[in-house]
Amino acid sequence: MTSSLVYDRYGALAAADLQSDEIRARAARYADLFSGPYLEVTNGRPAFAFFNPVFRIVALDGDEAHLRRLAAALRSQNPGLTVTLVNAKARLS
């Protein structure tokens, strides 16, 4: 699991011309993580700084079925959350 407080920061920092190799490597790692299927979880409010971050749950093994089961469980236990499966073969409704 990761949150926008981390990957947004590295994505923005890596774009700057004067960033270190370490920052660029971290940004590349997040880009790689998000190339496969993951769940994006939010409360539907705007994400801003430490308030209402967007969380991503990444299937490191690429198991979409597991993410679908987890999404269903999250929705049933937390109806106020928006849970979206991203980079999947078939999108969740």
Protein backbone atom coordinates (compact mmCIF):
# COMPACT_ATOMS: atom_id res chain seq x y z
CA MET A 1 0.00 0.00 0.00
CA THR A 2 1.22 3.47 -0.76
CA SER A 3 -0.35 6.90 -0.61
CA SER A 4 -0.35 9.98 -2.77
CA LEU A 5 1.64 11.74 -0.09
CA VAL A 6 4.61 9.69 -1.27
CA TYR A 7 4.31 8.93 -4.98
CA ASP A 8 3.00 12.34 -5.99
CA ARG A 9 5.97 13.90 -4.24
CA TYR A 10 8.50 11.75 -6.04
CA GLY A 11 6.75 12.09 -9.36
CA ALA A 12 6.91 15.88 -9.12
CA LEU A 13 10.45 15.94 -7.77
CA ALA A 14 11.81 13.62 -10.43
CA ALA A 15 10.61 15.95 -13.15
CA ALA A 16 12.96 18.69 -12.00
CA ASP A 17 16.23 18.88 -13.95
CA LEU A 18 18.47 19.04 -10.91
CA GLN A 19 17.18 16.01 -9.00
CA SER A 20 19.57 13.39 -7.68
CA ASP A 21 19.79 9.88 -9.06
CA GLU A 22 18.17 8.64 -5.82
CA ILE A 23 15.05 10.76 -6.34
CA ARG A 24 14.84 9.72 -9.98
CA ALA A 25 15.18 6.05 -8.99
CA ARG A 26 12.37 6.37 -6.44
CA ALA A 27 10.12 8.00 -9.02
CA ALA A 28 10.91 5.21 -11.49
CA ARG A 29 10.07 2.60 -8.86
CA TYR A 30 6.62 4.14 -8.29
CA ALA A 31 6.03 4.35 -12.04
CA ASP A 32 6.92 0.65 -12.29
CA LEU A 33 4.62 -0.27 -9.37
CA PHE A 34 1.69 1.48 -11.01
CA SER A 35 2.17 -0.12 -14.42
CA GLY A 36 0.29 -3.22 -13.23
CA PRO A 37 -3.11 -3.60 -11.58
CA TYR A 38 -3.84 -1.71 -8.36
CA LEU A 39 -6.73 -0.40 -6.34
CA GLU A 40 -7.14 3.32 -5.86
CA VAL A 41 -9.01 4.12 -2.65
CA THR A 42 -10.34 7.56 -1.75
CA ASN A 43 -13.13 9.09 0.28
CA GLY A 44 -14.22 11.10 -2.76
CA ARG A 45 -13.06 14.43 -1.41
CA PRO A 46 -10.24 16.40 -3.02
CA ALA A 47 -6.78 15.11 -2.09
CA PHE A 48 -4.69 17.86 -0.57
CA ALA A 49 -1.50 17.52 1.46
CA PHE A 50 -2.19 15.43 4.55
CA PHE A 51 -5.96 15.68 4.14
CA ASN A 52 -7.82 12.99 2.22
CA PRO A 53 -4.91 11.25 0.52
CA VAL A 54 -5.53 8.71 -2.21
CA PHE A 55 -4.26 5.26 -1.29
CA ARG A 56 -3.13 2.69 -3.80
CA ILE A 57 -3.03 -1.01 -3.06
CA VAL A 58 -0.70 -2.67 -5.53
CA ALA A 59 -0.90 -6.35 -6.51
CA LEU A 60 2.81 -7.12 -6.61
CA ASP A 61 1.96 -10.51 -8.11
CA GLY A 62 -0.48 -9.00 -10.62
CA ASP A 63 -3.42 -11.00 -9.17
CA GLU A 64 -6.48 -9.03 -10.32
CA ALA A 65 -8.87 -11.54 -8.75
CA HIS A 66 -7.39 -10.81 -5.34
CA LEU A 67 -7.76 -7.07 -5.92
CA ARG A 68 -11.40 -7.56 -6.96
CA ARG A 69 -12.15 -9.49 -3.75
CA LEU A 70 -10.39 -6.84 -1.68
CA ALA A 71 -12.31 -4.07 -3.49
CA ALA A 72 -15.61 -5.79 -2.74
CA ALA A 73 -14.70 -6.17 0.93
CA LEU A 74 -13.61 -2.53 1.21
CA ARG A 75 -16.82 -1.32 -0.41
CA SER A 76 -19.06 -3.47 1.79
CA GLN A 77 -17.33 -2.39 5.01
CA ASN A 78 -16.82 1.25 4.02
CA PRO A 79 -19.62 2.44 1.71
CA GLY A 80 -18.29 6.01 1.76
CA LEU A 81 -15.08 5.02 0.00
CA THR A 82 -14.54 5.05 -3.72
CA VAL A 83 -12.56 1.98 -4.76
CA THR A 84 -11.37 1.74 -8.37
CA LEU A 85 -9.39 -1.03 -10.03
CA VAL A 86 -6.79 0.55 -12.32
CA ASN A 87 -4.74 -1.03 -15.13
CA ALA A 88 -6.95 -4.09 -15.17
CA LYS A 89 -8.06 -6.08 -18.19
CA ALA A 90 -11.69 -5.28 -17.34
CA ARG A 91 -12.64 -2.28 -15.22
CA LEU A 92 -14.74 -2.58 -12.07
CA SER A 93 -18.14 -0.94 -12.26
